[in-house]
């Protein structure tokens, strides 16, 4: 159990740092009320987890520990569903109904498509 915690924690650190770097980039580069950084991180994280599981389904490249590191660790630290929910709540609270609808719909659909694309990409390659 301690080994699994250490593996997931190490991956989580990497994912969290990557997420912070993307947030900082959007903070300094994009002036918008729309939460672009969270949307981009969630879509990329879903694509990454789709690729990892797509590879895992095709062949046994990853050991269980490596898969834990990549999915629970890196992807779990990188994606920001809790931040997504808070951003959506803020848009609702500010009565930004169009932005709320666009943000939640795009997040859900693009993330599903990204998981599918990652899995499909790994079947093609």
C-alpha atoms as a PDB file:
ATOM      1  CA  UNK A   1       0.000   0.000   0.000  1.00  0.00           C
ATOM      2  CA  UNK A   2       2.782   2.439   0.865  1.00  0.00           C
ATOM      3  CA  UNK A   3       4.469   1.663  -2.446  1.00  0.00           C
ATOM      4  CA  UNK A   4       1.246   2.475  -4.331  1.00  0.00           C
ATOM      5  CA  UNK A   5       0.831   5.716  -2.396  1.00  0.00           C
ATOM      6  CA  UNK A   6       4.393   6.740  -3.223  1.00  0.00           C
ATOM      7  CA  UNK A   7       3.970   5.882  -6.908  1.00  0.00           C
ATOM      8  CA  UNK A   8       0.672   7.765  -7.240  1.00  0.00           C
ATOM      9  CA  UNK A   9       2.012  10.669  -5.173  1.00  0.00           C
ATOM     10  CA  UNK A  10       5.099  11.060  -7.354  1.00  0.00           C
ATOM     11  CA  UNK A  11       2.942  11.106 -10.477  1.00  0.00           C
ATOM     12  CA  UNK A  12       0.514  13.495  -8.806  1.00  0.00           C
ATOM     13  CA  UNK A  13       3.350  15.916  -8.119  1.00  0.00           C
ATOM     14  CA  UNK A  14       4.320  15.921 -11.794  1.00  0.00           C
ATOM     15  CA  UNK A  15       0.710  16.352 -12.934  1.00  0.00           C
ATOM     16  CA  UNK A  16       0.104  19.180 -10.482  1.00  0.00           C
ATOM     17  CA  UNK A  17       3.223  21.055 -11.552  1.00  0.00           C
ATOM     18  CA  UNK A  18       2.253  20.669 -15.224  1.00  0.00           C
ATOM     19  CA  UNK A  19      -1.259  21.972 -14.454  1.00  0.00           C
ATOM     20  CA  UNK A  20       0.159  24.968 -12.603  1.00  0.00           C
ATOM     21  CA  UNK A  21       2.436  25.818 -15.523  1.00  0.00           C
ATOM     22  CA  UNK A  22      -0.512  25.743 -17.933  1.00  0.00           C
ATOM     23  CA  UNK A  23      -2.611  27.905 -15.576  1.00  0.00           C
ATOM     24  CA  UNK A  24       0.228  30.427 -15.316  1.00  0.00           C
ATOM     25  CA  UNK A  25       0.585  30.505 -19.093  1.00  0.00           C
ATOM     26  CA  UNK A  26      -3.103  31.306 -19.563  1.00  0.00           C
ATOM     27  CA  UNK A  27      -3.034  33.877 -16.746  1.00  0.00           C
ATOM     28  CA  UNK A  28      -0.296  35.819 -18.483  1.00  0.00           C
ATOM     29  CA  UNK A  29      -1.274  35.198 -22.112  1.00  0.00           C
ATOM     30  CA  UNK A  30      -5.080  35.170 -22.327  1.00  0.00           C
ATOM     31  CA  UNK A  31      -7.376  37.890 -21.059  1.00  0.00           C
ATOM     32  CA  UNK A  32     -10.807  36.283 -20.771  1.00  0.00           C
ATOM     33  CA  UNK A  33     -13.570  35.551 -18.284  1.00  0.00           C
ATOM     34  CA  UNK A  34     -13.881  32.088 -19.824  1.00  0.00           C
ATOM     35  CA  UNK A  35     -11.830  29.489 -17.869  1.00  0.00           C
ATOM     36  CA  UNK A  36      -9.678  28.378 -20.816  1.00  0.00           C
ATOM     37  CA  UNK A  37      -6.883  26.914 -18.708  1.00  0.00           C
ATOM     38  CA  UNK A  38      -9.183  24.469 -16.924  1.00  0.00           C
ATOM     39  CA  UNK A  39     -10.835  23.443 -20.184  1.00  0.00           C
ATOM     40  CA  UNK A  40      -7.467  22.850 -21.879  1.00  0.00           C
ATOM     41  CA  UNK A  41      -6.089  20.879 -18.918  1.00  0.00           C
ATOM     42  CA  UNK A  42      -9.174  18.665 -18.714  1.00  0.00           C
ATOM     43  CA  UNK A  43      -9.176  17.928 -22.452  1.00  0.00           C
ATOM     44  CA  UNK A  44      -5.423  17.190 -22.491  1.00  0.00           C
ATOM     45  CA  UNK A  45      -5.744  15.026 -19.377  1.00  0.00           C
ATOM     46  CA  UNK A  46      -8.579  13.054 -20.942  1.00  0.00           C
ATOM     47  CA  UNK A  47      -6.577  12.605 -24.150  1.00  0.00           C
ATOM     48  CA  UNK A  48      -3.590  11.403 -22.121  1.00  0.00           C
ATOM     49  CA  UNK A  49      -5.603   8.904 -20.098  1.00  0.00           C
ATOM     50  CA  UNK A  50      -7.212   7.668 -23.318  1.00  0.00           C
ATOM     51  CA  UNK A  51      -3.778   7.125 -24.836  1.00  0.00           C
ATOM     52  CA  UNK A  52      -2.491   5.320 -21.740  1.00  0.00           C
ATOM     53  CA  UNK A  53      -5.468   2.963 -21.521  1.00  0.00           C
ATOM     54  CA  UNK A  54      -5.478   2.552 -25.295  1.00  0.00           C
ATOM     55  CA  UNK A  55      -1.871   1.359 -25.145  1.00  0.00           C
ATOM     56  CA  UNK A  56      -2.655  -0.862 -22.156  1.00  0.00           C
ATOM     57  CA  UNK A  57      -5.549  -2.537 -23.970  1.00  0.00           C
ATOM     58  CA  UNK A  58      -3.457  -3.182 -27.068  1.00  0.00           C
ATOM     59  CA  UNK A  59      -0.403  -4.667 -25.412  1.00  0.00           C
ATOM     60  CA  UNK A  60       1.193  -5.114 -22.021  1.00  0.00           C
ATOM     61  CA  UNK A  61       3.714  -2.266 -22.233  1.00  0.00           C
ATOM     62  CA  UNK A  62       2.975  -0.823 -18.795  1.00  0.00           C
ATOM     63  CA  UNK A  63       3.341  -2.686 -15.545  1.00  0.00           C
ATOM     64  CA  UNK A  64       0.556  -2.084 -13.008  1.00  0.00           C
ATOM     65  CA  UNK A  65       2.875   0.301 -11.132  1.00  0.00           C
ATOM     66  CA  UNK A  66       3.637   2.348 -14.250  1.00  0.00           C
ATOM     67  CA  UNK A  67      -0.066   2.489 -15.154  1.00  0.00           C
ATOM     68  CA  UNK A  68      -0.831   3.654 -11.592  1.00  0.00           C
ATOM     69  CA  UNK A  69       1.877   6.329 -11.862  1.00  0.00           C
ATOM     70  CA  UNK A  70       0.562   7.584 -15.213  1.00  0.00           C
ATOM     71  CA  UNK A  71      -3.202   7.443 -14.626  1.00  0.00           C
ATOM     72  CA  UNK A  72      -3.915   7.965 -10.933  1.00  0.00           C
ATOM     73  CA  UNK A  73      -0.725   9.947 -10.425  1.00  0.00           C
ATOM     74  CA  UNK A  74       0.001  12.185 -13.396  1.00  0.00           C
ATOM     75  CA  UNK A  75      -3.502  12.343 -14.904  1.00  0.00           C
ATOM     76  CA  UNK A  76      -5.123  12.645 -11.477  1.00  0.00           C
ATOM     77  CA  UNK A  77      -2.801  15.472 -10.471  1.00  0.00           C
ATOM     78  CA  UNK A  78      -3.124  17.156 -13.860  1.00  0.00           C
ATOM     79  CA  UNK A  79      -6.871  17.175 -14.491  1.00  0.00           C
ATOM     80  CA  UNK A  80      -9.020  19.578 -12.590  1.00  0.00           C
ATOM     81  CA  UNK A  81     -12.607  18.421 -12.386  1.00  0.00           C
ATOM     82  CA  UNK A  82     -13.065  20.063  -9.012  1.00  0.00           C
ATOM     83  CA  UNK A  83     -11.802  23.319 -10.451  1.00  0.00           C
ATOM     84  CA  UNK A  84     -14.108  22.795 -13.428  1.00  0.00           C
ATOM     85  CA  UNK A  85     -17.074  22.472 -11.091  1.00  0.00           C
ATOM     86  CA  UNK A  86     -16.127  25.592  -9.178  1.00  0.00           C
ATOM     87  CA  UNK A  87     -15.624  27.585 -12.406  1.00  0.00           C
ATOM     88  CA  UNK A  88     -19.046  26.438 -13.633  1.00  0.00           C
ATOM     89  CA  UNK A  89     -20.612  27.431 -10.312  1.00  0.00           C
ATOM     90  CA  UNK A  90     -19.044  30.895 -10.514  1.00  0.00           C
ATOM     91  CA  UNK A  91     -20.415  31.380 -14.032  1.00  0.00           C
ATOM     92  CA  UNK A  92     -23.874  30.403 -12.768  1.00  0.00           C
ATOM     93  CA  UNK A  93     -23.571  32.645  -9.735  1.00  0.00           C
ATOM     94  CA  UNK A  94     -22.648  35.550 -12.023  1.00  0.00           C
ATOM     95  CA  UNK A  95     -25.676  34.672 -14.178  1.00  0.00           C
ATOM     96  CA  UNK A  96     -23.421  34.038 -17.175  1.00  0.00           C
ATOM     97  CA  UNK A  97     -25.807  31.399 -18.496  1.00  0.00           C
ATOM     98  CA  UNK A  98     -24.459  31.270 -22.052  1.00  0.00           C
ATOM     99  CA  UNK A  99     -20.851  30.942 -20.844  1.00  0.00           C
ATOM    100  CA  UNK A 100     -21.944  28.346 -18.279  1.00  0.00           C
ATOM    101  CA  UNK A 101     -23.717  26.292 -20.943  1.00  0.00           C
ATOM    102  CA  UNK A 102     -20.823  26.623 -23.402  1.00  0.00           C
ATOM    103  CA  UNK A 103     -18.207  25.773 -20.791  1.00  0.00           C
ATOM    104  CA  UNK A 104     -19.943  22.714 -19.340  1.00  0.00           C
ATOM    105  CA  UNK A 105     -21.000  21.379 -22.745  1.00  0.00           C
ATOM    106  CA  UNK A 106     -17.567  21.889 -24.326  1.00  0.00           C
ATOM    107  CA  UNK A 107     -15.810  20.378 -21.311  1.00  0.00           C
ATOM    108  CA  UNK A 108     -17.955  17.269 -21.294  1.00  0.00           C
ATOM    109  CA  UNK A 109     -18.047  16.656 -25.040  1.00  0.00           C
ATOM    110  CA  UNK A 110     -14.413  17.519 -25.784  1.00  0.00           C
ATOM    111  CA  UNK A 111     -13.159  15.380 -22.896  1.00  0.00           C
ATOM    112  CA  UNK A 112     -15.210  12.392 -24.049  1.00  0.00           C
ATOM    113  CA  UNK A 113     -13.955  12.904 -27.590  1.00  0.00           C
ATOM    114  CA  UNK A 114     -10.372  13.229 -26.324  1.00  0.00           C
ATOM    115  CA  UNK A 115     -10.581   9.903 -24.441  1.00  0.00           C
ATOM    116  CA  UNK A 116     -12.024   8.279 -27.555  1.00  0.00           C
ATOM    117  CA  UNK A 117      -9.343   9.875 -29.769  1.00  0.00           C
ATOM    118  CA  UNK A 118      -6.566   8.681 -27.469  1.00  0.00           C
ATOM    119  CA  UNK A 119      -7.865   5.118 -27.509  1.00  0.00           C
ATOM    120  CA  UNK A 120      -8.467   5.209 -31.268  1.00  0.00           C
ATOM    121  CA  UNK A 121      -5.010   6.645 -31.884  1.00  0.00           C
ATOM    122  CA  UNK A 122      -3.434   3.799 -29.957  1.00  0.00           C
ATOM    123  CA  UNK A 123      -5.404   1.226 -31.981  1.00  0.00           C
ATOM    124  CA  UNK A 124      -4.249   2.824 -35.237  1.00  0.00           C
ATOM    125  CA  UNK A 125      -0.570   3.102 -34.303  1.00  0.00           C
END
